[in-house]
């Protein structure tokens, strides 16, 4: 069963450039694990970014997170100063 996640990244002032560099490496990897970026949103001040991402299952997210290319890009995430939170979410009707 597909699982949707909400990722929130809180960026310090000036952190968006390094965060964008990190995202340019890791977002293309999603498809290799069956992941799909449903929505990518950012506040006008570039301080908060939100992603809605769907994976076929939890194990696919785990495999994506363990990808060595993602780990190699971690210094870019660290340089951005982003505080990242990840939540499994569901539609509310």
N, C-alpha and C. Protein backbone atom coordinates (compact mmCIF):
# COMPACT_ATOMS: atom_id res chain seq x y z
N UNK A 1 0.83 -1.18 0.00
CA UNK A 1 0.00 0.00 0.00
C UNK A 1 0.88 1.25 0.00
N UNK A 2 0.58 2.19 -0.86
CA UNK A 2 1.37 3.41 -0.99
C UNK A 2 1.32 4.23 0.29
N UNK A 3 2.43 4.89 0.57
CA UNK A 3 2.55 5.73 1.75
C UNK A 3 2.97 7.12 1.29
N UNK A 4 2.30 8.15 1.82
CA UNK A 4 2.64 9.53 1.50
C UNK A 4 3.31 10.16 2.70
N UNK A 5 4.34 10.94 2.43
CA UNK A 5 5.09 11.61 3.48
C UNK A 5 5.09 13.11 3.24
N UNK A 6 5.09 13.85 4.33
CA UNK A 6 5.28 15.29 4.29
C UNK A 6 6.66 15.56 4.87
N UNK A 7 7.50 16.21 4.07
CA UNK A 7 8.82 16.61 4.53
C UNK A 7 8.79 18.12 4.70
N UNK A 8 9.19 18.59 5.87
CA UNK A 8 9.31 20.03 6.13
C UNK A 8 10.78 20.33 6.40
N UNK A 9 11.30 21.30 5.69
CA UNK A 9 12.67 21.75 5.92
C UNK A 9 12.62 23.21 6.31
N UNK A 10 13.13 23.51 7.49
CA UNK A 10 13.22 24.90 7.95
C UNK A 10 14.65 25.36 7.70
N UNK A 11 14.76 26.42 6.89
CA UNK A 11 16.07 26.89 6.43
C UNK A 11 16.44 28.20 7.10
N UNK A 12 17.68 28.31 7.53
CA UNK A 12 18.11 29.61 8.05
C UNK A 12 18.27 30.58 6.89
N UNK A 13 18.33 31.84 7.20
CA UNK A 13 18.56 32.84 6.16
C UNK A 13 19.83 32.50 5.40
N UNK A 14 19.74 32.49 4.08
CA UNK A 14 20.89 32.18 3.24
C UNK A 14 21.13 30.70 3.01
N UNK A 15 20.29 29.84 3.57
CA UNK A 15 20.50 28.40 3.44
C UNK A 15 19.90 27.78 2.19
N UNK A 16 19.10 28.53 1.46
CA UNK A 16 18.37 27.94 0.34
C UNK A 16 19.29 27.51 -0.82
N UNK A 17 20.39 28.20 -1.04
CA UNK A 17 21.27 27.83 -2.16
C UNK A 17 21.88 26.44 -1.95
N UNK A 18 22.43 26.18 -0.77
CA UNK A 18 22.99 24.85 -0.48
C UNK A 18 21.89 23.80 -0.46
N UNK A 19 20.71 24.17 0.05
CA UNK A 19 19.60 23.22 0.08
C UNK A 19 19.17 22.86 -1.34
N UNK A 20 19.11 23.85 -2.23
CA UNK A 20 18.76 23.59 -3.62
C UNK A 20 19.79 22.67 -4.28
N UNK A 21 21.06 22.86 -3.96
CA UNK A 21 22.11 21.99 -4.51
C UNK A 21 21.92 20.55 -4.02
N UNK A 22 21.59 20.40 -2.75
CA UNK A 22 21.31 19.07 -2.19
C UNK A 22 20.11 18.44 -2.89
N UNK A 23 19.04 19.20 -3.02
CA UNK A 23 17.82 18.68 -3.64
C UNK A 23 18.07 18.28 -5.10
N UNK A 24 18.93 18.99 -5.80
CA UNK A 24 19.20 18.66 -7.20
C UNK A 24 19.88 17.31 -7.33
N UNK A 25 20.53 16.85 -6.27
CA UNK A 25 21.15 15.52 -6.27
C UNK A 25 20.15 14.45 -5.84
N UNK A 26 19.39 14.72 -4.78
CA UNK A 26 18.59 13.65 -4.17
C UNK A 26 17.20 13.48 -4.78
N UNK A 27 16.57 14.53 -5.24
CA UNK A 27 15.22 14.38 -5.80
C UNK A 27 15.17 13.47 -7.03
N UNK A 28 16.16 13.52 -7.93
CA UNK A 28 16.10 12.59 -9.07
C UNK A 28 16.20 11.12 -8.67
N UNK A 29 16.69 10.83 -7.47
CA UNK A 29 16.81 9.44 -7.01
C UNK A 29 15.46 8.83 -6.62
N UNK A 30 14.48 9.66 -6.33
CA UNK A 30 13.18 9.16 -5.88
C UNK A 30 12.62 8.08 -6.81
N UNK A 31 12.64 8.33 -8.10
CA UNK A 31 12.03 7.41 -9.07
C UNK A 31 12.66 6.02 -9.03
N UNK A 32 13.95 5.95 -8.71
CA UNK A 32 14.62 4.65 -8.64
C UNK A 32 14.03 3.76 -7.54
N UNK A 33 13.35 4.36 -6.58
CA UNK A 33 12.76 3.62 -5.47
C UNK A 33 11.25 3.66 -5.51
N UNK A 34 10.71 4.03 -6.65
CA UNK A 34 9.26 4.09 -6.81
C UNK A 34 8.64 5.34 -6.22
N UNK A 35 9.48 6.27 -5.77
CA UNK A 35 8.99 7.49 -5.15
C UNK A 35 8.55 8.51 -6.19
N UNK A 36 7.62 9.34 -5.76
CA UNK A 36 7.11 10.40 -6.64
C UNK A 36 6.92 11.68 -5.81
N UNK A 37 7.53 12.75 -6.29
CA UNK A 37 7.35 14.05 -5.65
C UNK A 37 6.02 14.61 -6.14
N UNK A 38 5.05 14.65 -5.24
CA UNK A 38 3.71 15.12 -5.60
C UNK A 38 3.64 16.63 -5.67
N UNK A 39 4.32 17.25 -4.73
CA UNK A 39 4.27 18.72 -4.61
C UNK A 39 5.52 19.19 -3.92
N UNK A 40 6.07 20.31 -4.37
CA UNK A 40 7.21 20.96 -3.72
C UNK A 40 6.85 22.42 -3.57
N UNK A 41 6.81 22.87 -2.33
CA UNK A 41 6.37 24.24 -2.03
C UNK A 41 7.41 24.92 -1.15
N UNK A 42 7.52 26.25 -1.32
CA UNK A 42 8.44 27.01 -0.48
C UNK A 42 7.79 28.34 -0.13
N UNK A 43 8.03 28.81 1.06
CA UNK A 43 7.51 30.10 1.48
C UNK A 43 8.22 31.21 0.70
N UNK A 44 7.55 32.36 0.55
CA UNK A 44 8.16 33.46 -0.22
C UNK A 44 9.50 33.94 0.33
N UNK A 45 9.74 33.76 1.62
CA UNK A 45 11.01 34.20 2.21
C UNK A 45 12.11 33.14 2.13
N UNK A 46 11.84 32.01 1.48
CA UNK A 46 12.79 30.90 1.31
C UNK A 46 13.23 30.27 2.62
N UNK A 47 12.39 30.34 3.64
CA UNK A 47 12.77 29.81 4.94
C UNK A 47 12.15 28.46 5.27
N UNK A 48 11.09 28.07 4.57
CA UNK A 48 10.46 26.76 4.81
C UNK A 48 10.12 26.14 3.47
N UNK A 49 10.49 24.86 3.32
CA UNK A 49 10.13 24.12 2.12
C UNK A 49 9.37 22.88 2.55
N UNK A 50 8.34 22.53 1.78
CA UNK A 50 7.51 21.35 2.07
C UNK A 50 7.44 20.48 0.83
N UNK A 51 7.55 19.19 1.03
CA UNK A 51 7.39 18.22 -0.06
C UNK A 51 6.32 17.22 0.33
N UNK A 52 5.47 16.86 -0.60
CA UNK A 52 4.60 15.70 -0.47
C UNK A 52 5.19 14.65 -1.39
N UNK A 53 5.57 13.52 -0.80
CA UNK A 53 6.25 12.46 -1.54
C UNK A 53 5.52 11.15 -1.28
N UNK A 54 5.30 10.38 -2.34
CA UNK A 54 4.64 9.09 -2.20
C UNK A 54 5.61 7.98 -2.61
N UNK A 55 5.65 6.93 -1.81
CA UNK A 55 6.43 5.72 -2.09
C UNK A 55 5.48 4.53 -2.07
N UNK A 56 5.83 3.46 -2.78
CA UNK A 56 4.99 2.26 -2.74
C UNK A 56 4.83 1.70 -1.32
N UNK A 57 5.87 1.82 -0.49
CA UNK A 57 5.80 1.32 0.88
C UNK A 57 6.93 1.89 1.71
N UNK A 58 6.89 1.64 3.00
CA UNK A 58 7.90 2.15 3.92
C UNK A 58 9.30 1.66 3.56
N UNK A 59 9.40 0.42 3.08
CA UNK A 59 10.71 -0.14 2.76
C UNK A 59 11.35 0.59 1.58
N UNK A 60 10.54 1.14 0.70
CA UNK A 60 11.07 1.91 -0.43
C UNK A 60 11.67 3.23 0.04
N UNK A 61 11.01 3.87 0.99
CA UNK A 61 11.57 5.08 1.59
C UNK A 61 12.89 4.74 2.28
N UNK A 62 12.92 3.64 3.02
CA UNK A 62 14.14 3.25 3.72
C UNK A 62 15.29 3.01 2.74
N UNK A 63 15.00 2.37 1.61
CA UNK A 63 16.03 2.12 0.61
C UNK A 63 16.52 3.44 0.00
N UNK A 64 15.61 4.36 -0.27
CA UNK A 64 15.97 5.68 -0.79
C UNK A 64 16.88 6.40 0.20
N UNK A 65 16.51 6.36 1.45
CA UNK A 65 17.29 7.07 2.48
C UNK A 65 18.67 6.46 2.67
N UNK A 66 18.82 5.17 2.33
CA UNK A 66 20.10 4.49 2.47
C UNK A 66 20.97 4.59 1.22
N UNK A 67 20.48 5.21 0.17
CA UNK A 67 21.23 5.31 -1.08
C UNK A 67 22.56 6.03 -0.83
N UNK A 68 23.68 5.45 -1.26
CA UNK A 68 24.98 6.08 -1.00
C UNK A 68 25.15 7.43 -1.69
N UNK A 69 24.47 7.66 -2.78
CA UNK A 69 24.56 8.98 -3.45
C UNK A 69 23.90 10.05 -2.58
N UNK A 70 22.85 9.66 -1.89
CA UNK A 70 22.18 10.58 -0.97
C UNK A 70 23.10 10.90 0.20
N UNK A 71 23.74 9.86 0.72
CA UNK A 71 24.69 10.06 1.83
C UNK A 71 25.85 10.95 1.40
N UNK A 72 26.32 10.77 0.16
CA UNK A 72 27.43 11.58 -0.34
C UNK A 72 27.05 13.05 -0.46
N UNK A 73 25.76 13.32 -0.65
CA UNK A 73 25.29 14.71 -0.77
C UNK A 73 25.00 15.35 0.59
N UNK A 74 25.08 14.58 1.66
CA UNK A 74 24.74 15.08 3.00
C UNK A 74 25.50 16.35 3.40
N UNK A 75 26.77 16.52 2.99
CA UNK A 75 27.44 17.77 3.35
C UNK A 75 26.73 19.02 2.81
N UNK A 76 26.06 18.90 1.68
CA UNK A 76 25.28 20.03 1.15
C UNK A 76 24.10 20.34 2.07
N UNK A 77 23.44 19.29 2.54
CA UNK A 77 22.33 19.48 3.48
C UNK A 77 22.84 20.12 4.76
N UNK A 78 23.96 19.62 5.27
CA UNK A 78 24.54 20.20 6.48
C UNK A 78 24.90 21.67 6.27
N UNK A 79 25.47 21.98 5.11
CA UNK A 79 25.86 23.36 4.82
C UNK A 79 24.66 24.29 4.74
N UNK A 80 23.51 23.75 4.38
CA UNK A 80 22.30 24.58 4.28
C UNK A 80 21.78 24.99 5.65
N UNK A 81 22.12 24.20 6.67
CA UNK A 81 21.60 24.48 8.01
C UNK A 81 20.16 24.08 8.19
N UNK A 82 19.61 23.32 7.25
CA UNK A 82 18.19 22.94 7.30
C UNK A 82 17.90 22.01 8.48
N UNK A 83 16.78 22.27 9.12
CA UNK A 83 16.22 21.35 10.11
C UNK A 83 15.07 20.64 9.41
N UNK A 84 15.21 19.32 9.23
CA UNK A 84 14.26 18.55 8.42
C UNK A 84 13.41 17.65 9.31
N UNK A 85 12.11 17.65 9.03
CA UNK A 85 11.16 16.77 9.71
C UNK A 85 10.42 15.96 8.65
N UNK A 86 10.13 14.69 8.95
CA UNK A 86 9.43 13.83 8.02
C UNK A 86 8.26 13.18 8.74
N UNK A 87 7.09 13.23 8.12
CA UNK A 87 5.87 12.69 8.70
C UNK A 87 5.15 11.82 7.68
N UNK A 88 4.72 10.64 8.09
CA UNK A 88 3.78 9.88 7.26
C UNK A 88 2.43 10.57 7.41
N UNK A 89 1.75 10.80 6.29
CA UNK A 89 0.47 11.52 6.34
C UNK A 89 -0.59 10.74 5.54
N UNK A 90 -1.84 11.14 5.75
CA UNK A 90 -2.96 10.53 5.04
C UNK A 90 -3.93 11.62 4.65
N UNK A 91 -4.73 11.32 3.64
CA UNK A 91 -5.79 12.25 3.25
C UNK A 91 -6.86 12.27 4.33
N UNK A 92 -7.41 13.43 4.56
CA UNK A 92 -8.52 13.59 5.50
C UNK A 92 -9.73 13.99 4.67
N UNK A 93 -10.76 13.24 4.82
CA UNK A 93 -11.97 13.50 4.04
C UNK A 93 -13.08 14.04 4.91
